[in-house]
N, C-alpha and C. Protein backbone atom coordinates (compact mmCIF):
# COMPACT_ATOMS: atom_id res chain seq x y z
N UNK A 1 25.37 16.21 15.51
CA UNK A 1 23.94 15.93 15.48
C UNK A 1 23.64 14.51 15.97
N UNK A 2 24.50 13.54 15.56
CA UNK A 2 24.28 12.16 15.95
C UNK A 2 24.38 12.04 17.47
N UNK A 3 25.36 12.71 18.08
CA UNK A 3 25.53 12.67 19.52
C UNK A 3 24.31 13.24 20.23
N UNK A 4 23.79 14.35 19.72
CA UNK A 4 22.62 14.98 20.32
C UNK A 4 21.42 14.04 20.24
N UNK A 5 21.21 13.43 19.08
CA UNK A 5 20.08 12.52 18.91
C UNK A 5 20.19 11.34 19.86
N UNK A 6 21.37 10.72 19.93
CA UNK A 6 21.54 9.57 20.82
C UNK A 6 21.38 9.99 22.28
N UNK A 7 21.85 11.19 22.62
CA UNK A 7 21.69 11.69 23.97
C UNK A 7 20.21 11.89 24.30
N UNK A 8 19.46 12.46 23.36
CA UNK A 8 18.03 12.66 23.59
C UNK A 8 17.30 11.34 23.73
N UNK A 9 17.66 10.36 22.92
CA UNK A 9 17.03 9.05 23.02
C UNK A 9 17.40 8.41 24.35
N UNK A 10 18.67 8.50 24.76
CA UNK A 10 19.09 7.95 26.04
C UNK A 10 18.34 8.63 27.18
N UNK A 11 18.15 9.94 27.09
CA UNK A 11 17.40 10.68 28.09
C UNK A 11 15.95 10.22 28.11
N UNK A 12 15.35 10.04 26.93
CA UNK A 12 13.97 9.57 26.83
C UNK A 12 13.83 8.20 27.48
N UNK A 13 14.80 7.30 27.20
CA UNK A 13 14.76 5.96 27.79
C UNK A 13 14.91 6.07 29.29
N UNK A 14 15.84 6.90 29.74
CA UNK A 14 16.07 7.09 31.17
C UNK A 14 14.82 7.64 31.85
N UNK A 15 14.19 8.63 31.24
CA UNK A 15 12.98 9.20 31.81
C UNK A 15 11.85 8.18 31.84
N UNK A 16 11.79 7.38 30.78
CA UNK A 16 10.73 6.38 30.72
C UNK A 16 10.87 5.39 31.86
N UNK A 17 12.09 5.02 32.18
CA UNK A 17 12.32 4.05 33.24
C UNK A 17 12.18 4.70 34.62
N UNK A 18 12.68 5.93 34.77
CA UNK A 18 12.77 6.52 36.09
C UNK A 18 11.65 7.45 36.51
N UNK A 19 10.85 7.93 35.62
CA UNK A 19 9.84 8.92 35.96
C UNK A 19 8.46 8.30 35.95
N UNK A 20 7.68 8.63 36.95
CA UNK A 20 6.33 8.06 37.04
C UNK A 20 5.48 8.42 35.83
N UNK A 21 5.58 9.68 35.36
CA UNK A 21 4.74 10.07 34.22
C UNK A 21 5.15 9.34 32.96
N UNK A 22 6.45 9.19 32.73
CA UNK A 22 6.88 8.44 31.56
C UNK A 22 6.62 6.96 31.74
N UNK A 23 6.73 6.48 32.96
CA UNK A 23 6.47 5.08 33.22
C UNK A 23 5.01 4.74 32.92
N UNK A 24 4.09 5.62 33.32
CA UNK A 24 2.68 5.40 32.99
C UNK A 24 2.50 5.33 31.48
N UNK A 25 3.20 6.22 30.78
CA UNK A 25 3.09 6.25 29.32
C UNK A 25 3.61 4.94 28.73
N UNK A 26 4.68 4.41 29.30
CA UNK A 26 5.25 3.16 28.82
C UNK A 26 4.28 2.00 29.00
N UNK A 27 3.41 2.11 29.99
CA UNK A 27 2.48 1.04 30.27
C UNK A 27 1.19 1.15 29.46
N UNK A 28 1.09 2.19 28.65
CA UNK A 28 -0.09 2.30 27.80
C UNK A 28 -0.22 1.05 26.94
N UNK A 29 -1.42 0.57 26.78
CA UNK A 29 -1.59 -0.59 25.91
C UNK A 29 -1.27 -0.19 24.47
N UNK A 30 -0.87 -1.18 23.71
CA UNK A 30 -0.58 -0.89 22.31
C UNK A 30 -1.87 -0.55 21.56
N UNK A 31 -1.77 0.46 20.73
CA UNK A 31 -2.79 0.77 19.73
C UNK A 31 -2.06 1.54 18.64
N UNK A 32 -2.55 1.49 17.41
CA UNK A 32 -1.92 2.30 16.36
C UNK A 32 -1.87 3.79 16.74
N UNK A 33 -2.89 4.27 17.42
CA UNK A 33 -2.92 5.66 17.84
C UNK A 33 -1.80 5.97 18.85
N UNK A 34 -1.64 5.10 19.85
CA UNK A 34 -0.56 5.28 20.83
C UNK A 34 0.81 5.17 20.16
N UNK A 35 0.90 4.29 19.19
CA UNK A 35 2.16 4.14 18.46
C UNK A 35 2.48 5.41 17.68
N UNK A 36 1.49 5.96 16.99
CA UNK A 36 1.70 7.18 16.22
C UNK A 36 2.10 8.34 17.13
N UNK A 37 1.47 8.46 18.27
CA UNK A 37 1.83 9.50 19.24
C UNK A 37 3.28 9.33 19.69
N UNK A 38 3.66 8.12 19.99
CA UNK A 38 5.03 7.84 20.43
C UNK A 38 6.02 8.16 19.32
N UNK A 39 5.72 7.78 18.10
CA UNK A 39 6.62 8.07 16.98
C UNK A 39 6.77 9.58 16.79
N UNK A 40 5.69 10.31 16.94
CA UNK A 40 5.72 11.77 16.80
C UNK A 40 6.59 12.38 17.90
N UNK A 41 6.40 11.93 19.13
CA UNK A 41 7.20 12.42 20.25
C UNK A 41 8.69 12.18 20.04
N UNK A 42 9.02 11.06 19.43
CA UNK A 42 10.43 10.70 19.23
C UNK A 42 11.03 11.32 17.98
N UNK A 43 10.20 11.91 17.15
CA UNK A 43 10.72 12.52 15.93
C UNK A 43 11.04 11.53 14.83
N UNK A 44 10.31 10.44 14.79
CA UNK A 44 10.52 9.47 13.71
C UNK A 44 10.13 10.12 12.39
N UNK A 45 11.00 9.98 11.42
CA UNK A 45 10.80 10.57 10.10
C UNK A 45 9.96 9.61 9.25
N UNK A 46 9.09 10.17 8.42
CA UNK A 46 8.18 9.41 7.55
C UNK A 46 7.29 8.45 8.36
N UNK A 47 6.56 8.97 9.33
CA UNK A 47 5.74 8.10 10.19
C UNK A 47 4.70 7.29 9.42
N UNK A 48 4.23 7.79 8.29
CA UNK A 48 3.26 7.01 7.50
C UNK A 48 3.92 5.76 6.92
N UNK A 49 5.16 5.90 6.48
CA UNK A 49 5.91 4.74 5.98
C UNK A 49 6.16 3.76 7.12
N UNK A 50 6.58 4.28 8.25
CA UNK A 50 6.91 3.44 9.41
C UNK A 50 5.67 2.70 9.92
N UNK A 51 4.53 3.38 9.94
CA UNK A 51 3.29 2.71 10.36
C UNK A 51 2.94 1.59 9.38
N UNK A 52 3.09 1.85 8.09
CA UNK A 52 2.83 0.81 7.10
C UNK A 52 3.79 -0.37 7.30
N UNK A 53 5.05 -0.08 7.59
CA UNK A 53 6.01 -1.15 7.86
C UNK A 53 5.54 -2.00 9.04
N UNK A 54 5.11 -1.34 10.11
CA UNK A 54 4.65 -2.08 11.29
C UNK A 54 3.46 -2.98 10.93
N UNK A 55 2.55 -2.47 10.15
CA UNK A 55 1.39 -3.28 9.75
C UNK A 55 1.82 -4.50 8.93
N UNK A 56 2.76 -4.29 8.03
CA UNK A 56 3.26 -5.40 7.20
C UNK A 56 4.01 -6.41 8.06
N UNK A 57 4.94 -5.91 8.86
CA UNK A 57 5.83 -6.78 9.63
C UNK A 57 5.09 -7.59 10.70
N UNK A 58 3.97 -7.07 11.18
CA UNK A 58 3.23 -7.75 12.25
C UNK A 58 1.93 -8.40 11.78
N UNK A 59 1.71 -8.42 10.47
CA UNK A 59 0.45 -8.92 9.93
C UNK A 59 -0.72 -8.21 10.62
N UNK A 60 -0.67 -6.89 10.57
CA UNK A 60 -1.67 -6.03 11.20
C UNK A 60 -1.78 -6.29 12.71
N UNK A 61 -0.60 -6.36 13.33
CA UNK A 61 -0.47 -6.47 14.79
C UNK A 61 -1.01 -7.78 15.36
N UNK A 62 -0.89 -8.85 14.58
CA UNK A 62 -1.37 -10.16 15.05
C UNK A 62 -0.27 -11.21 15.14
N UNK A 63 0.92 -10.92 14.68
CA UNK A 63 1.97 -11.95 14.59
C UNK A 63 2.52 -12.35 15.95
N UNK A 64 3.08 -13.53 16.00
CA UNK A 64 3.72 -14.06 17.20
C UNK A 64 4.92 -13.19 17.59
N UNK A 65 5.68 -12.72 16.61
CA UNK A 65 6.85 -11.86 16.87
C UNK A 65 6.41 -10.58 17.56
N UNK A 66 5.28 -10.02 17.15
CA UNK A 66 4.77 -8.82 17.80
C UNK A 66 4.24 -9.14 19.19
N UNK A 67 3.39 -10.14 19.28
CA UNK A 67 2.73 -10.44 20.55
C UNK A 67 3.69 -10.91 21.64
N UNK A 68 4.67 -11.72 21.27
CA UNK A 68 5.59 -12.26 22.28
C UNK A 68 6.88 -11.45 22.42
N UNK A 69 7.39 -10.92 21.33
CA UNK A 69 8.66 -10.18 21.37
C UNK A 69 8.45 -8.67 21.48
N UNK A 70 7.22 -8.21 21.34
CA UNK A 70 6.91 -6.77 21.32
C UNK A 70 7.65 -6.08 20.17
N UNK A 71 7.89 -6.81 19.11
CA UNK A 71 8.68 -6.34 17.98
C UNK A 71 7.74 -5.89 16.86
N UNK A 72 7.67 -4.59 16.65
CA UNK A 72 6.76 -4.01 15.66
C UNK A 72 7.30 -4.02 14.24
N UNK A 73 8.61 -4.17 14.09
CA UNK A 73 9.21 -3.92 12.78
C UNK A 73 9.99 -5.10 12.21
N UNK A 74 9.86 -6.26 12.81
CA UNK A 74 10.59 -7.42 12.32
C UNK A 74 12.09 -7.27 12.47
N UNK A 75 12.51 -6.43 13.41
CA UNK A 75 13.94 -6.17 13.59
C UNK A 75 14.66 -7.42 14.07
N UNK A 76 15.86 -7.59 13.56
CA UNK A 76 16.77 -8.63 14.05
C UNK A 76 17.62 -8.00 15.14
N UNK A 77 18.24 -8.82 15.95
CA UNK A 77 19.12 -8.32 17.00
C UNK A 77 20.36 -7.71 16.34
N UNK A 78 20.58 -6.40 16.51
CA UNK A 78 21.71 -5.77 15.85
C UNK A 78 23.03 -6.14 16.50
N UNK A 79 24.09 -6.17 15.69
CA UNK A 79 25.40 -6.51 16.20
C UNK A 79 26.33 -5.30 16.25
N UNK A 80 25.97 -4.23 15.50
CA UNK A 80 26.89 -3.10 15.39
C UNK A 80 26.26 -1.74 15.68
N UNK A 81 25.19 -1.70 16.40
CA UNK A 81 24.60 -0.41 16.76
C UNK A 81 23.93 -0.53 18.12
N UNK A 82 23.69 0.61 18.73
CA UNK A 82 22.96 0.62 20.00
C UNK A 82 21.55 0.08 19.77
N UNK A 83 21.03 -0.57 20.78
CA UNK A 83 19.70 -1.16 20.66
C UNK A 83 19.00 -1.17 22.03
N UNK A 84 17.70 -1.21 21.99
CA UNK A 84 16.91 -1.37 23.23
C UNK A 84 16.44 -2.82 23.38
N UNK A 85 16.84 -3.68 22.45
CA UNK A 85 16.45 -5.09 22.53
C UNK A 85 17.08 -5.73 23.77
N UNK A 86 16.36 -6.66 24.36
CA UNK A 86 16.85 -7.36 25.54
C UNK A 86 17.36 -8.75 25.19
N UNK A 87 17.23 -9.14 23.95
CA UNK A 87 17.67 -10.45 23.52
C UNK A 87 17.02 -10.81 22.21
N UNK A 88 16.98 -12.11 21.97
CA UNK A 88 16.46 -12.61 20.71
C UNK A 88 15.56 -13.80 20.97
N UNK A 89 14.47 -13.87 20.26
CA UNK A 89 13.55 -15.00 20.31
C UNK A 89 12.94 -15.15 18.93
N UNK A 90 12.83 -16.37 18.45
CA UNK A 90 12.30 -16.65 17.12
C UNK A 90 13.12 -15.95 16.03
N UNK A 91 14.42 -15.82 16.28
CA UNK A 91 15.34 -15.21 15.31
C UNK A 91 15.05 -13.72 15.07
N UNK A 92 14.38 -13.06 16.00
CA UNK A 92 14.08 -11.63 15.93
C UNK A 92 14.38 -10.98 17.29
N UNK A 93 14.65 -9.69 17.25
CA UNK A 93 14.90 -8.96 18.49
C UNK A 93 13.69 -9.02 19.40
N UNK A 94 13.96 -9.07 20.69
CA UNK A 94 12.90 -9.09 21.69
C UNK A 94 13.03 -7.83 22.55
N UNK A 95 11.89 -7.24 22.88
CA UNK A 95 11.84 -6.00 23.66
C UNK A 95 10.94 -6.19 24.88
N UNK A 96 11.12 -5.32 25.86
CA UNK A 96 10.28 -5.38 27.06
C UNK A 96 8.90 -4.81 26.81
N UNK A 97 8.78 -3.95 25.78
CA UNK A 97 7.48 -3.34 25.47
C UNK A 97 7.48 -2.90 24.01
N UNK A 98 6.29 -2.62 23.52
CA UNK A 98 6.20 -2.13 22.14
C UNK A 98 6.91 -0.79 22.01
N UNK A 99 6.89 0.03 23.06
CA UNK A 99 7.58 1.34 23.02
C UNK A 99 9.08 1.17 22.83
N UNK A 100 9.66 0.15 23.46
CA UNK A 100 11.09 -0.09 23.29
C UNK A 100 11.40 -0.47 21.85
N UNK A 101 10.47 -1.13 21.20
CA UNK A 101 10.62 -1.45 19.78
C UNK A 101 10.63 -0.18 18.93
N UNK A 102 9.77 0.77 19.27
CA UNK A 102 9.73 2.05 18.56
C UNK A 102 11.03 2.83 18.79
N UNK A 103 11.51 2.84 20.03
CA UNK A 103 12.77 3.53 20.32
C UNK A 103 13.90 2.90 19.53
N UNK A 104 13.92 1.57 19.44
CA UNK A 104 14.97 0.89 18.68
C UNK A 104 14.89 1.23 17.20
N UNK A 105 13.67 1.33 16.68
CA UNK A 105 13.52 1.73 15.28
C UNK A 105 14.10 3.13 15.08
N UNK A 106 13.87 4.01 16.03
CA UNK A 106 14.41 5.38 15.94
C UNK A 106 15.94 5.34 15.93
N UNK A 107 16.54 4.50 16.76
CA UNK A 107 18.00 4.36 16.75
C UNK A 107 18.47 3.89 15.38
N UNK A 108 17.78 2.90 14.82
CA UNK A 108 18.12 2.39 13.48
C UNK A 108 17.93 3.48 12.44
N UNK A 109 16.79 4.18 12.50
CA UNK A 109 16.48 5.20 11.51
C UNK A 109 17.50 6.34 11.54
N UNK A 110 17.92 6.74 12.72
CA UNK A 110 18.91 7.81 12.81
C UNK A 110 20.21 7.44 12.09
N UNK A 111 20.58 6.20 12.15
CA UNK A 111 21.77 5.73 11.42
C UNK A 111 21.54 5.77 9.91
N UNK A 112 20.39 5.32 9.49
CA UNK A 112 20.06 5.28 8.06
C UNK A 112 19.98 6.69 7.48
N UNK A 113 19.40 7.60 8.23
CA UNK A 113 19.17 8.95 7.71
C UNK A 113 20.45 9.76 7.53
N UNK A 114 21.58 9.24 7.99
CA UNK A 114 22.85 9.90 7.68
C UNK A 114 23.24 9.65 6.23
N UNK A 115 22.69 8.58 5.63
CA UNK A 115 23.00 8.21 4.24
C UNK A 115 21.88 8.56 3.28
N UNK A 116 20.67 8.63 3.79
CA UNK A 116 19.47 8.79 2.96
C UNK A 116 18.85 10.15 3.26
N UNK A 117 18.63 10.95 2.21
CA UNK A 117 18.22 12.33 2.44
C UNK A 117 16.83 12.70 1.91
N UNK A 118 16.11 11.75 1.37
CA UNK A 118 14.78 12.07 0.85
C UNK A 118 13.84 10.88 1.07
N UNK A 119 12.56 11.16 0.96
CA UNK A 119 11.54 10.11 1.10
C UNK A 119 11.75 9.01 0.05
N UNK A 120 11.99 9.42 -1.18
CA UNK A 120 12.20 8.46 -2.26
C UNK A 120 13.43 7.58 -1.98
N UNK A 121 14.50 8.21 -1.51
CA UNK A 121 15.72 7.47 -1.19
C UNK A 121 15.49 6.53 0.00
N UNK A 122 14.65 6.95 0.95
CA UNK A 122 14.34 6.11 2.10
C UNK A 122 13.62 4.84 1.66
N UNK A 123 12.63 5.01 0.79
CA UNK A 123 11.91 3.84 0.27
C UNK A 123 12.85 2.92 -0.51
N UNK A 124 13.73 3.50 -1.28
CA UNK A 124 14.70 2.71 -2.04
C UNK A 124 15.62 1.94 -1.08
N UNK A 125 16.04 2.61 -0.02
CA UNK A 125 16.89 1.96 0.99
C UNK A 125 16.14 0.77 1.62
N UNK A 126 14.87 0.98 1.95
CA UNK A 126 14.08 -0.10 2.54
C UNK A 126 14.00 -1.30 1.60
N UNK A 127 13.78 -1.03 0.32
CA UNK A 127 13.65 -2.15 -0.63
C UNK A 127 14.97 -2.89 -0.81
N UNK A 128 16.07 -2.18 -0.68
CA UNK A 128 17.37 -2.80 -0.93
C UNK A 128 17.96 -3.47 0.31
N UNK A 129 17.81 -2.82 1.49
CA UNK A 129 18.53 -3.29 2.68
C UNK A 129 17.65 -3.78 3.83
N UNK A 130 16.38 -3.45 3.82
CA UNK A 130 15.53 -3.78 4.97
C UNK A 130 14.72 -5.04 4.74
N UNK A 131 14.11 -5.12 3.61
CA UNK A 131 13.15 -6.20 3.35
C UNK A 131 13.71 -7.27 2.43
N UNK A 132 13.21 -8.47 2.59
CA UNK A 132 13.56 -9.54 1.66
C UNK A 132 12.51 -9.68 0.56
N UNK A 133 11.31 -9.21 0.82
CA UNK A 133 10.22 -9.27 -0.16
C UNK A 133 10.40 -8.17 -1.19
N UNK A 134 10.49 -8.54 -2.44
CA UNK A 134 10.69 -7.57 -3.51
C UNK A 134 9.50 -6.63 -3.68
N UNK A 135 8.34 -7.01 -3.15
CA UNK A 135 7.13 -6.19 -3.24
C UNK A 135 6.94 -5.29 -2.01
N UNK A 136 7.93 -5.24 -1.13
CA UNK A 136 7.80 -4.54 0.15
C UNK A 136 7.40 -3.08 -0.01
N UNK A 137 8.11 -2.34 -0.83
CA UNK A 137 7.81 -0.93 -1.01
C UNK A 137 6.45 -0.75 -1.69
N UNK A 138 6.13 -1.63 -2.59
CA UNK A 138 4.82 -1.58 -3.22
C UNK A 138 3.72 -1.74 -2.18
N UNK A 139 3.91 -2.68 -1.26
CA UNK A 139 2.94 -2.88 -0.18
C UNK A 139 2.84 -1.65 0.71
N UNK A 140 3.98 -1.04 1.02
CA UNK A 140 3.96 0.18 1.83
C UNK A 140 3.16 1.26 1.13
N UNK A 141 3.42 1.48 -0.14
CA UNK A 141 2.72 2.52 -0.89
C UNK A 141 1.22 2.25 -0.95
N UNK A 142 0.83 1.00 -1.06
CA UNK A 142 -0.59 0.65 -1.09
C UNK A 142 -1.27 0.96 0.25
N UNK A 143 -0.52 0.80 1.34
CA UNK A 143 -1.10 1.04 2.68
C UNK A 143 -1.19 2.53 3.02
N UNK A 144 -0.36 3.32 2.41
CA UNK A 144 -0.33 4.75 2.76
C UNK A 144 -1.54 5.46 2.20
């Protein structure tokens, strides 16, 4: 299953770069609606949680990390997994577009979901391994 998922993501990335229709989609301006559509297309699990994370991590899409790095999720540059990041700036992963940030989140999520099998466990995982703020999951629940 992991191989199939990574293959599909690699194909999606390849199509996005090489196909005019996907390329146009990649150039769509950021909006929460476009983000939700992209997450749905990619099969991101718990999109309501993920959208809340993006709002928290970007201060409602206003942060410097989002605007300059195209980083929706406060992701750091990974050292042990595949990534769509092109480098690091301000101690956070940098992407060529907001869509690449969403694809990278999907790569991260696919790894996490091999260990976490429920919504409750996903939130617990986020509180333990993703966020430094002890109120992170509480904030997510408030936004949902």
